[in-house]
Protein backbone atom coordinates (compact mmCIF):
# COMPACT_ATOMS: atom_id res chain seq x y z
CA MET A 1 27.35 174.76 202.55
CA THR A 2 29.54 171.81 203.16
CA LYS A 3 26.71 169.68 203.79
CA TYR A 4 25.17 170.41 200.37
CA LYS A 5 28.80 170.01 198.64
CA TYR A 6 28.77 166.36 200.30
CA ILE A 7 25.53 165.45 199.42
CA ILE A 8 26.27 166.55 195.22
CA LEU A 9 29.86 164.61 195.95
CA ILE A 10 27.67 161.55 197.06
CA LEU A 11 25.31 161.71 193.97
CA ALA A 12 28.01 162.53 191.46
CA LEU A 13 30.17 159.17 192.85
CA SER A 14 26.78 157.06 192.78
CA PHE A 15 26.14 158.04 189.37
CA VAL A 16 29.90 157.14 188.29
CA PHE A 17 29.70 153.83 189.55
CA SER A 18 26.21 152.91 188.27
CA SER A 19 27.14 154.20 184.57
CA CYS A 20 30.25 151.71 185.29
CA GLU A 21 27.63 148.69 186.15
CA THR A 22 25.45 149.52 182.98
CA ASP A 23 26.03 147.83 179.94
CA PHE A 24 25.52 150.20 176.56
CA ASP A 25 24.73 148.20 173.16
CA THR A 26 26.82 150.24 170.87
CA ILE A 27 25.01 148.33 168.05
CA ALA A 28 21.97 149.95 166.63
CA GLU A 29 19.23 147.91 165.31
CA TRP A 30 19.95 146.43 161.79
CA LYS A 31 18.48 148.03 159.07
CA ASP A 32 18.13 146.84 155.38
CA ILE A 33 19.91 149.23 153.29
CA THR A 34 20.93 148.18 149.82
CA VAL A 35 24.08 149.43 148.26
CA VAL A 36 24.10 150.17 144.31
CA TYR A 37 26.88 151.08 142.14
CA GLY A 38 26.20 150.93 138.27
CA LEU A 39 27.59 152.97 135.18
CA LEU A 40 26.27 152.49 131.85
CA ASP A 41 28.57 153.11 129.10
CA GLN A 42 27.00 152.86 125.24
CA LYS A 43 30.34 151.61 123.83
CA ASN A 44 30.22 148.38 125.92
CA SER A 45 27.90 145.58 124.67
CA VAL A 46 28.09 144.43 128.34
CA GLN A 47 26.83 146.13 131.10
CA TYR A 48 27.22 145.44 134.96
CA ILE A 49 25.28 146.27 137.98
CA LYS A 50 26.77 145.87 141.30
CA ILE A 51 23.82 145.31 144.42
CA ASN A 52 25.18 144.60 148.06
CA LYS A 53 23.26 144.75 151.57
CA ALA A 54 25.25 146.90 154.20
CA PHE A 55 26.04 144.80 157.42
CA LEU A 56 26.18 145.28 161.08
CA GLY A 57 27.52 142.98 163.97
CA ASP A 58 29.43 142.54 167.20
CA GLY A 59 33.35 142.42 166.55
CA ASN A 60 35.56 143.35 163.96
CA ALA A 61 33.84 144.24 160.90
CA LEU A 62 37.18 143.61 158.62
CA VAL A 63 36.15 139.68 159.41
CA TYR A 64 32.58 140.25 158.82
CA ALA A 65 33.62 141.33 155.29
CA GLN A 66 35.26 138.93 154.20
CA GLU A 67 32.34 136.58 154.54
CA PRO A 68 30.26 136.75 151.40
CA ASP A 69 26.86 136.03 153.21
CA SER A 70 27.26 139.58 155.06
CA SER A 71 27.07 141.63 151.74
CA ASN A 72 25.34 139.15 149.37
CA TYR A 73 21.56 138.74 149.39
CA GLY A 74 20.65 135.17 149.66
CA PHE A 75 18.09 135.34 147.31
CA PRO A 76 17.94 136.68 143.81
CA LEU A 77 16.44 140.21 142.75
CA THR A 78 14.53 141.38 139.83
CA VAL A 79 16.91 144.20 138.19
CA LEU A 80 15.45 145.97 135.47
CA VAL A 81 16.82 149.04 133.48
CA GLU A 82 13.95 150.68 131.71
CA GLU A 83 15.14 152.65 128.40
CA ARG A 84 12.76 155.85 127.64
CA ASP A 85 12.60 158.62 125.30
CA GLU A 86 13.90 161.56 127.50
CA SER A 87 11.26 164.24 126.00
CA THR A 88 8.24 162.00 126.01
CA ASN A 89 9.14 159.44 128.65
CA ASN A 90 7.95 156.62 126.43
CA LEU A 91 9.17 152.99 126.95
CA ILE A 92 11.52 151.84 124.23
CA ARG A 93 12.68 148.32 125.96
CA THR A 94 13.35 147.00 129.08
CA LEU A 95 16.64 145.37 129.89
CA ASN A 96 16.57 142.47 132.23
CA PHE A 97 20.06 141.99 134.16
CA GLY A 98 20.43 138.68 135.86
CA PRO A 99 22.94 137.62 138.65
CA THR A 100 26.61 136.07 137.39
CA THR A 101 29.68 135.42 139.38
CA ILE A 102 32.93 136.90 138.42
CA TYR A 103 36.27 135.24 139.58
CA ASN A 104 39.03 137.74 139.14
CA LYS A 105 38.06 140.42 141.77
CA GLU A 106 41.17 142.06 143.13
CA PRO A 107 42.25 141.48 146.83
CA GLY A 108 40.74 144.14 149.22
CA VAL A 109 39.06 144.50 152.47
CA PHE A 110 35.65 142.57 151.07
CA TYR A 111 35.79 138.93 150.17
CA TYR A 112 37.52 137.91 146.90
CA PRO A 113 38.18 136.32 144.36
CA GLU A 114 34.45 135.58 143.57
CA GLN A 115 32.02 138.47 143.40
CA VAL A 116 28.49 138.45 142.34
CA ILE A 117 27.33 141.51 140.32
CA TYR A 118 24.40 141.70 138.14
CA LYS A 119 24.67 141.53 134.18
CA LYS A 120 23.23 142.17 130.85
CA THR A 121 24.28 141.58 127.47
CA LEU A 122 22.93 143.67 124.65
CA ASN A 123 21.86 142.39 121.31
CA ASP A 124 20.59 145.34 119.96
CA TYR A 125 22.71 148.44 118.55
CA ASP A 126 22.85 151.23 116.04
CA THR A 127 26.23 151.69 114.05
CA ILE A 128 26.76 155.51 113.74
CA ILE A 129 29.63 157.13 111.39
CA LYS A 130 32.31 158.84 113.36
CA ILE A 131 33.05 162.37 112.00
CA ILE A 132 36.11 163.43 113.77
CA GLN A 133 37.81 166.31 111.80
CA SER A 134 36.41 168.50 108.94
CA GLY A 135 33.51 166.20 107.85
CA VAL A 136 36.27 163.48 107.29
CA ILE A 137 34.79 159.73 107.82
CA ILE A 138 37.66 157.82 109.60
CA GLY A 139 35.75 154.70 110.72
CA TYR A 140 32.61 153.33 112.33
CA ASP A 141 31.65 153.08 115.95
CA THR A 142 29.24 150.55 117.31
CA ILE A 143 26.73 152.13 120.28
CA TRP A 144 24.78 149.58 122.37
CA LEU A 145 22.60 152.19 124.00
CA ASN A 146 21.07 155.41 122.73
CA GLU A 147 22.59 158.51 124.04
CA ASN A 148 19.50 160.66 123.99
CA HIS A 149 17.72 158.15 125.73
CA LEU A 150 17.17 158.13 129.44
CA TYR A 151 17.79 154.75 131.67
CA LYS A 152 15.56 154.39 134.91
CA LEU A 153 16.64 151.44 137.39
CA LEU A 154 14.17 149.28 139.05
CA ILE A 155 15.49 146.85 141.59
CA GLN A 156 12.64 144.41 143.51
CA TYR A 157 12.70 141.79 146.01
CA PRO A 158 11.16 138.55 145.05
CA ASP A 159 8.24 138.99 147.65
CA LEU A 160 7.86 142.73 146.24
CA SER A 161 8.43 143.99 150.05
CA LYS A 162 10.87 146.42 148.93
CA GLU A 163 11.42 148.21 145.63
CA ILE A 164 14.72 150.37 144.93
CA SER A 165 15.09 152.83 141.97
CA SER A 166 17.16 155.54 139.99
CA GLU A 167 17.74 156.98 136.41
CA THR A 168 20.28 158.35 134.63
CA VAL A 169 21.16 160.25 131.40
CA LEU A 170 24.15 159.02 129.26
CA VAL A 171 27.56 161.00 128.56
CA HIS A 172 27.34 161.65 124.69
CA LYS A 173 30.17 160.98 122.38
CA PHE A 174 33.13 163.19 121.89
CA SER A 175 36.24 163.28 120.00
CA ILE A 176 40.02 163.58 120.65
CA ASN A 177 41.86 166.52 118.93
CA LYS A 178 45.18 166.52 119.77
CA PRO A 179 47.13 165.04 119.26
CA ARG A 180 46.01 164.31 115.87
CA ARG A 181 45.47 160.87 114.49
CA LYS A 182 48.18 161.09 112.11
CA GLY A 183 51.94 161.22 112.97
CA ASN A 184 54.20 160.24 115.54
CA MET A 185 54.50 161.37 119.07
CA ASP A 186 57.58 163.24 119.98
CA PHE A 187 58.81 164.15 123.19
CA ASP A 188 61.67 167.00 123.42
CA PRO A 189 64.02 166.62 126.22
CA GLU A 190 64.67 170.60 126.44
CA PRO A 191 61.25 171.84 125.45
CA GLN A 192 60.83 175.48 125.41
CA ASN A 193 57.00 175.59 125.58
CA PRO A 194 54.28 173.29 126.99
CA GLN A 195 52.55 170.89 124.60
CA GLU A 196 48.73 170.37 124.38
CA PHE A 197 46.03 167.29 124.87
CA ASN A 198 42.85 168.67 123.66
CA TRP A 199 39.13 167.04 122.99
CA ASP A 200 35.81 168.12 122.76
CA LYS A 201 33.34 168.76 125.41
CA ALA A 202 30.59 166.11 126.03
CA GLU A 203 27.19 166.71 126.70
CA ASN A 204 26.27 165.69 130.38
CA ALA A 205 29.83 164.93 131.58
CA GLY A 206 30.62 167.05 134.82
CA GLU A 207 34.68 165.75 134.73
CA TYR A 208 37.00 164.18 132.48
CA GLU A 209 39.91 161.62 133.51
CA LEU A 210 43.31 161.93 131.28
CA LYS A 211 45.82 159.19 131.53
CA VAL A 212 48.66 158.84 129.11
CA LYS A 213 50.25 155.46 129.17
CA PHE A 214 53.89 154.35 127.73
CA HIS A 215 53.85 151.21 126.46
CA TYR A 216 57.13 149.25 125.83
CA LYS A 217 58.34 145.67 125.75
CA GLU A 218 60.98 144.02 127.82
CA ILE A 219 63.57 140.86 127.01
CA GLN A 220 64.63 138.76 129.87
CA PHE A 221 68.01 136.94 129.88
CA ASN A 222 66.48 133.94 131.27
CA SER A 223 63.38 133.89 128.82
CA THR A 224 62.55 133.58 125.10
CA ASP A 225 59.27 135.55 125.94
CA THR A 226 58.38 139.15 125.12
CA ILE A 227 56.55 140.86 127.91
CA ASN A 228 54.38 143.60 127.20
CA ASN A 229 54.86 146.40 130.11
CA SER A 230 53.51 150.04 130.71
CA ILE A 231 53.86 153.19 132.85
CA THR A 232 51.38 156.07 133.23
CA PHE A 233 53.17 159.09 133.03
CA ILE A 234 50.06 161.43 132.95
CA SER A 235 46.91 161.08 135.47
CA ALA A 236 44.90 164.08 135.92
CA THR A 237 41.18 165.03 136.71
CA VAL A 238 40.09 167.59 134.22
CA PHE A 239 36.95 170.10 134.59
CA PRO A 240 35.41 171.60 131.65
CA PRO A 241 35.81 175.52 131.37
CA ALA A 242 32.39 177.51 131.80
CA TYR A 243 32.58 178.55 128.28
CA GLY A 244 33.91 177.13 125.04
CA ASP A 245 33.32 173.48 123.42
CA GLU A 246 36.71 172.31 124.04
CA ILE A 247 38.97 171.02 126.91
CA SER A 248 42.38 171.48 126.90
CA TYR A 249 45.15 169.79 129.30
CA TYR A 250 48.92 171.21 129.07
CA TYR A 251 52.05 169.12 129.77
CA TRP A 252 56.09 169.68 129.51
CA ASP A 253 57.67 166.71 127.19
CA ASP A 254 61.19 166.58 129.62
CA ASN A 255 58.32 165.15 132.13
CA PHE A 256 58.05 162.04 129.95
CA TYR A 257 61.71 161.48 130.35
CA SER A 258 61.59 161.76 133.96
CA ALA A 259 59.10 159.48 134.63
CA CYS A 260 60.67 156.64 132.39
CA THR A 261 63.59 157.35 135.09
CA ASN A 262 61.90 157.39 138.04
CA ARG A 263 59.52 154.29 137.18
CA ILE A 264 60.48 151.72 134.60
CA PRO A 265 63.31 150.31 136.59
CA TYR A 266 62.20 147.33 138.88
CA GLU A 267 62.22 148.03 142.69
CA ASP A 268 63.85 144.71 143.34
CA PRO A 269 67.87 144.87 141.64
CA ALA A 270 67.47 141.25 140.96
CA ASP A 271 64.18 141.79 138.73
CA GLU A 272 66.00 144.58 137.08
CA GLN A 273 69.30 143.13 136.77
CA ASN A 274 67.42 140.10 134.52
CA ILE A 275 66.31 142.78 131.95
CA LYS A 276 68.62 142.43 128.83
CA GLU A 277 66.82 144.87 126.70
CA ARG A 278 63.67 146.90 126.22
CA HIS A 279 62.02 148.44 123.30
CA PRO A 280 59.71 151.23 122.86
CA PHE A 281 55.96 150.34 121.55
CA TYR A 282 53.36 152.99 121.36
CA ILE A 283 51.56 155.95 123.53
CA GLU A 284 48.33 155.41 124.68
CA ILE A 285 45.61 158.33 125.09
CA ILE A 286 42.84 157.69 127.33
CA VAL A 287 39.95 160.68 127.96
CA SER A 288 37.19 159.26 130.42
CA ALA A 289 34.15 161.47 130.90
CA ALA A 290 31.92 160.81 134.03
CA GLU A 291 28.12 161.79 134.00
CA ASN A 292 27.17 164.87 136.25
CA GLU A 293 25.92 162.89 139.00
CA PHE A 294 29.02 160.40 138.89
CA SER A 295 31.13 163.23 139.05
CA PHE A 296 29.73 164.87 141.90
CA TYR A 297 29.58 161.48 143.96
CA MET A 298 33.19 161.13 143.22
CA GLN A 299 34.01 164.74 144.19
CA VAL A 300 32.13 164.29 147.43
CA TYR A 301 33.63 160.87 148.34
CA GLU A 302 37.38 161.97 147.25
CA PRO A 303 40.11 161.69 150.07
CA SER A 304 39.77 164.80 152.22
CA THR A 305 42.76 167.17 152.52
CA SER A 306 41.46 169.34 155.25
CA ILE A 307 41.31 168.71 159.21
CA VAL A 308 37.66 168.11 158.79
CA GLN A 309 37.15 164.31 157.86
CA GLN A 310 33.46 164.10 157.87
CA LYS A 311 31.62 163.76 154.80
CA PRO A 312 28.22 164.46 153.98
CA GLN A 313 26.32 161.52 152.26
CA TYR A 314 25.34 161.87 148.85
CA THR A 315 23.42 159.04 146.37
CA ASN A 316 21.03 159.11 143.63
CA ILE A 317 19.69 155.50 144.61
CA ASN A 318 15.97 156.09 145.82
CA ASN A 319 15.51 153.65 149.00
CA GLY A 320 19.18 152.78 148.92
CA ILE A 321 22.73 154.19 148.72
CA GLY A 322 25.06 154.20 146.04
CA ILE A 323 25.52 155.50 142.53
CA PHE A 324 23.61 154.91 138.94
CA SER A 325 25.01 157.04 136.28
CA ALA A 326 27.13 156.83 133.29
CA ARG A 327 30.66 157.27 131.57
CA TYR A 328 32.03 157.35 128.13
CA GLN A 329 35.76 156.73 126.94
CA ARG A 330 37.75 157.63 124.04
CA LYS A 331 41.39 155.99 123.18
CA ARG A 332 43.94 157.02 120.94
CA ASP A 333 47.16 155.13 120.09
CA LYS A 334 50.07 157.05 118.83
CA ASN A 335 53.44 155.58 117.44
CA ILE A 336 56.53 157.09 119.09
CA HIS A 337 58.74 159.23 116.94
CA PRO A 338 62.37 157.89 116.06
CA ASP A 339 63.86 160.95 117.80
CA THR A 340 62.10 159.87 121.09
CA LYS A 341 63.31 156.47 120.77
CA ALA A 342 66.99 157.54 120.02
CA GLU A 343 66.65 159.77 123.35
CA LEU A 344 65.33 156.80 125.57
CA ALA A 345 68.32 154.60 124.02
CA LYS A 346 70.55 157.52 125.96
CA LEU A 347 68.91 157.19 129.17
CA ASP A 348 71.32 155.73 131.67
CA GLY A 349 70.24 152.36 133.19
CA LEU A 350 67.05 151.92 130.91
CA LYS A 351 68.12 149.15 128.53
CA PHE A 352 66.54 150.71 125.76
CA ILE A 353 67.43 149.49 122.16
CA TYR A 354 66.89 151.80 119.09
């Protein structure tokens, strides 16, 4: 018995030492993976699609990320978006996207401020009448893509050795119902009931992002210029209900004043001391709708709150990874009620003048 134990021990030790002497290659064989990120918005006359390649190498990946050659293709790609009738699949027109460089990319993990993207400026458009409430025409809107059409993406290498594809529908237009266009925005410092933001449910939209911003002006002691500034005091993701044609988000008025108190003064005491006075300007309401595929993509890759950090991979790009989808945004600006301006002037340390 002792002899067998001795042999097993020798074999185990020989395996350990031989393992220490073996070099393992932790870098797998490189594979050409195309990364695509494109969101169509029919309210914009210029559409963008970002196309990169995945990279792999020895050393620090963060260093590689700062090199443009690591993620950019060294040759121009053919990037087409076919606009087709959704019911018949008949081709309406072909949009040719060309490479361009932008110079205002914010600092981050990847190289900046330059960034290569693919761009298309649209020329053909339809002008439609916006009927918001009770059949009353309140204005006109320019729509650059048809919300009833299907859009198919095609990316090709110059030698046609690789082809990447995807497709998307558009989010249909919708209207903001509350607050109404007329009247000022008023915030009660001691509310008895919550107030409501309300908008129509949009076809093809999976989720919505609501942002409400308070815009104000600042005047400094050492300058005659007026500075425009703002805070976002409501930021929420809202999912549509299973039934009904409208979506509601409720809020309490006094949260507006709490946000102003906590977020308007500068963190640097010297910067705050240099503010002579502030003036309320307006409230901006922004509702952004994400197409179903884009909504699902964001849900999959949102930060995990559980102990399990591994996420399933999701993409709607054929022969690549990423997302090709659509979004649609509505905005409404509201003047601020005199009573709210008076309440802001009462807040200690904010320097609002009324």
